[in-house]
Amino acid sequence: MQRTIWIMWPSFLIAGAMTVVFFTLVDPADLTIFGVALAEHRLASYSVGFLLFWLFSAWDSWLTLFFQRDADTVNHPQRHTITPSH
């Protein structure tokens, strides 16, 4: 659970900042997807943009945690399995 928080919370904050910066520079009325203008669905385009930024940021945070593993964890994963405590 702690690793999930390490991934999702920073990515949530970054996604919020990225959404503000992106939609400050780009108006959803100027965006088109498959020939359909997003001007009619302005709130939906903000929401989808935030979720996509959150997805990309979460992927980046997960990769950071993945690549910070030490050699012992990579070479001997059975030693580092998490067992639930009762």
C-alpha atoms as a PDB file:
ATOM      1  CA  MET A   1       0.000   0.000   0.000  1.00  0.00           C
ATOM      2  CA  GLN A   2       2.849   2.369   0.770  1.00  0.00           C
ATOM      3  CA  ARG A   3       4.357   1.912  -2.695  1.00  0.00           C
ATOM      4  CA  THR A   4       0.998   2.675  -4.254  1.00  0.00           C
ATOM      5  CA  ILE A   5       0.868   5.923  -2.309  1.00  0.00           C
ATOM      6  CA  TRP A   6       4.445   6.692  -3.364  1.00  0.00           C
ATOM      7  CA  ILE A   7       3.317   6.343  -6.970  1.00  0.00           C
ATOM      8  CA  MET A   8      -0.165   7.857  -6.987  1.00  0.00           C
ATOM      9  CA  TRP A   9       0.202  10.940  -4.759  1.00  0.00           C
ATOM     10  CA  PRO A  10       3.147  12.623  -6.530  1.00  0.00           C
ATOM     11  CA  SER A  11       1.671  11.721  -9.897  1.00  0.00           C
ATOM     12  CA  PHE A  12      -1.657  13.296  -8.841  1.00  0.00           C
ATOM     13  CA  LEU A  13       0.096  16.550  -7.927  1.00  0.00           C
ATOM     14  CA  ILE A  14       2.103  16.610 -11.139  1.00  0.00           C
ATOM     15  CA  ALA A  15      -0.998  15.818 -13.207  1.00  0.00           C
ATOM     16  CA  GLY A  16      -2.777  18.762 -11.619  1.00  0.00           C
ATOM     17  CA  ALA A  17       0.101  21.090 -12.425  1.00  0.00           C
ATOM     18  CA  MET A  18       0.430  19.721 -15.952  1.00  0.00           C
ATOM     19  CA  THR A  19      -3.300  20.194 -16.553  1.00  0.00           C
ATOM     20  CA  VAL A  20      -3.159  23.813 -15.422  1.00  0.00           C
ATOM     21  CA  VAL A  21      -0.138  24.590 -17.595  1.00  0.00           C
ATOM     22  CA  PHE A  22      -1.413  22.721 -20.656  1.00  0.00           C
ATOM     23  CA  PHE A  23      -4.903  24.198 -20.635  1.00  0.00           C
ATOM     24  CA  THR A  24      -3.534  27.663 -19.922  1.00  0.00           C
ATOM     25  CA  LEU A  25      -1.619  27.428 -23.189  1.00  0.00           C
ATOM     26  CA  VAL A  26      -4.147  25.399 -25.224  1.00  0.00           C
ATOM     27  CA  ASP A  27      -7.873  26.063 -25.421  1.00  0.00           C
ATOM     28  CA  PRO A  28     -10.003  22.901 -25.750  1.00  0.00           C
ATOM     29  CA  ALA A  29     -11.952  24.704 -28.483  1.00  0.00           C
ATOM     30  CA  ASP A  30      -8.816  24.515 -30.627  1.00  0.00           C
ATOM     31  CA  LEU A  31      -8.457  20.756 -30.163  1.00  0.00           C
ATOM     32  CA  THR A  32      -9.991  18.233 -32.534  1.00  0.00           C
ATOM     33  CA  ILE A  33      -9.977  14.459 -32.326  1.00  0.00           C
ATOM     34  CA  PHE A  34     -10.915  12.540 -35.474  1.00  0.00           C
ATOM     35  CA  GLY A  35     -12.476  15.683 -36.894  1.00  0.00           C
ATOM     36  CA  VAL A  36     -14.674  16.340 -33.834  1.00  0.00           C
ATOM     37  CA  ALA A  37     -14.070  19.631 -32.055  1.00  0.00           C
ATOM     38  CA  LEU A  38     -13.825  19.407 -28.287  1.00  0.00           C
ATOM     39  CA  ALA A  39     -15.355  22.868 -27.778  1.00  0.00           C
ATOM     40  CA  GLU A  40     -18.771  21.398 -26.972  1.00  0.00           C
ATOM     41  CA  HIS A  41     -17.278  19.141 -24.325  1.00  0.00           C
ATOM     42  CA  ARG A  42     -14.940  21.529 -22.556  1.00  0.00           C
ATOM     43  CA  LEU A  43     -15.321  19.996 -19.077  1.00  0.00           C
ATOM     44  CA  ALA A  44     -14.888  16.492 -20.485  1.00  0.00           C
ATOM     45  CA  SER A  45     -11.696  17.538 -22.266  1.00  0.00           C
ATOM     46  CA  TYR A  46     -10.311  18.956 -19.000  1.00  0.00           C
ATOM     47  CA  SER A  47     -11.184  15.713 -17.205  1.00  0.00           C
ATOM     48  CA  VAL A  48      -9.717  13.448 -19.872  1.00  0.00           C
ATOM     49  CA  GLY A  49      -6.607  15.619 -20.040  1.00  0.00           C
ATOM     50  CA  PHE A  50      -6.142  15.389 -16.274  1.00  0.00           C
ATOM     51  CA  LEU A  51      -6.617  11.609 -16.286  1.00  0.00           C
ATOM     52  CA  LEU A  52      -4.144  11.163 -19.149  1.00  0.00           C
ATOM     53  CA  PHE A  53      -1.586  13.363 -17.392  1.00  0.00           C
ATOM     54  CA  TRP A  54      -2.162  11.345 -14.206  1.00  0.00           C
ATOM     55  CA  LEU A  55      -1.682   8.090 -16.095  1.00  0.00           C
ATOM     56  CA  PHE A  56       1.593   9.271 -17.654  1.00  0.00           C
ATOM     57  CA  SER A  57       2.837  10.653 -14.330  1.00  0.00           C
ATOM     58  CA  ALA A  58       1.936   7.427 -12.503  1.00  0.00           C
ATOM     59  CA  TRP A  59       3.809   5.431 -15.143  1.00  0.00           C
ATOM     60  CA  ASP A  60       6.835   7.671 -14.654  1.00  0.00           C
ATOM     61  CA  SER A  61       6.682   7.310 -10.858  1.00  0.00           C
ATOM     62  CA  TRP A  62       6.336   3.533 -11.158  1.00  0.00           C
ATOM     63  CA  LEU A  63       9.378   3.376 -13.456  1.00  0.00           C
ATOM     64  CA  THR A  64      11.354   5.446 -10.959  1.00  0.00           C
ATOM     65  CA  LEU A  65      10.554   2.999  -8.151  1.00  0.00           C
ATOM     66  CA  PHE A  66      11.195   0.035 -10.437  1.00  0.00           C
ATOM     67  CA  PHE A  67      14.668   1.217 -11.406  1.00  0.00           C
ATOM     68  CA  GLN A  68      15.648   2.126  -7.820  1.00  0.00           C
ATOM     69  CA  ARG A  69      15.679  -1.493  -6.706  1.00  0.00           C
ATOM     70  CA  ASP A  70      19.016  -2.773  -5.469  1.00  0.00           C
ATOM     71  CA  ALA A  71      20.848  -5.714  -7.037  1.00  0.00           C
ATOM     72  CA  ASP A  72      19.913  -8.120  -4.241  1.00  0.00           C
ATOM     73  CA  THR A  73      16.215  -7.487  -4.791  1.00  0.00           C
ATOM     74  CA  VAL A  74      16.549  -8.002  -8.538  1.00  0.00           C
ATOM     75  CA  ASN A  75      18.694 -11.142  -8.322  1.00  0.00           C
ATOM     76  CA  HIS A  76      16.880 -12.803  -5.399  1.00  0.00           C
ATOM     77  CA  PRO A  77      13.214 -11.749  -5.488  1.00  0.00           C
ATOM     78  CA  GLN A  78      12.069 -14.645  -3.270  1.00  0.00           C
ATOM     79  CA  ARG A  79      13.907 -13.107  -0.312  1.00  0.00           C
ATOM     80  CA  HIS A  80      11.954  -9.892  -0.632  1.00  0.00           C
ATOM     81  CA  THR A  81       8.402 -11.126  -1.014  1.00  0.00           C
ATOM     82  CA  ILE A  82       5.892  -9.434   1.204  1.00  0.00           C
ATOM     83  CA  THR A  83       3.923 -11.792   3.407  1.00  0.00           C
ATOM     84  CA  PRO A  84       0.753 -10.625   5.100  1.00  0.00           C
ATOM     85  CA  SER A  85       0.938 -10.527   8.872  1.00  0.00           C
ATOM     86  CA  HIS A  86      -2.063 -11.677  10.897  1.00  0.00           C
END
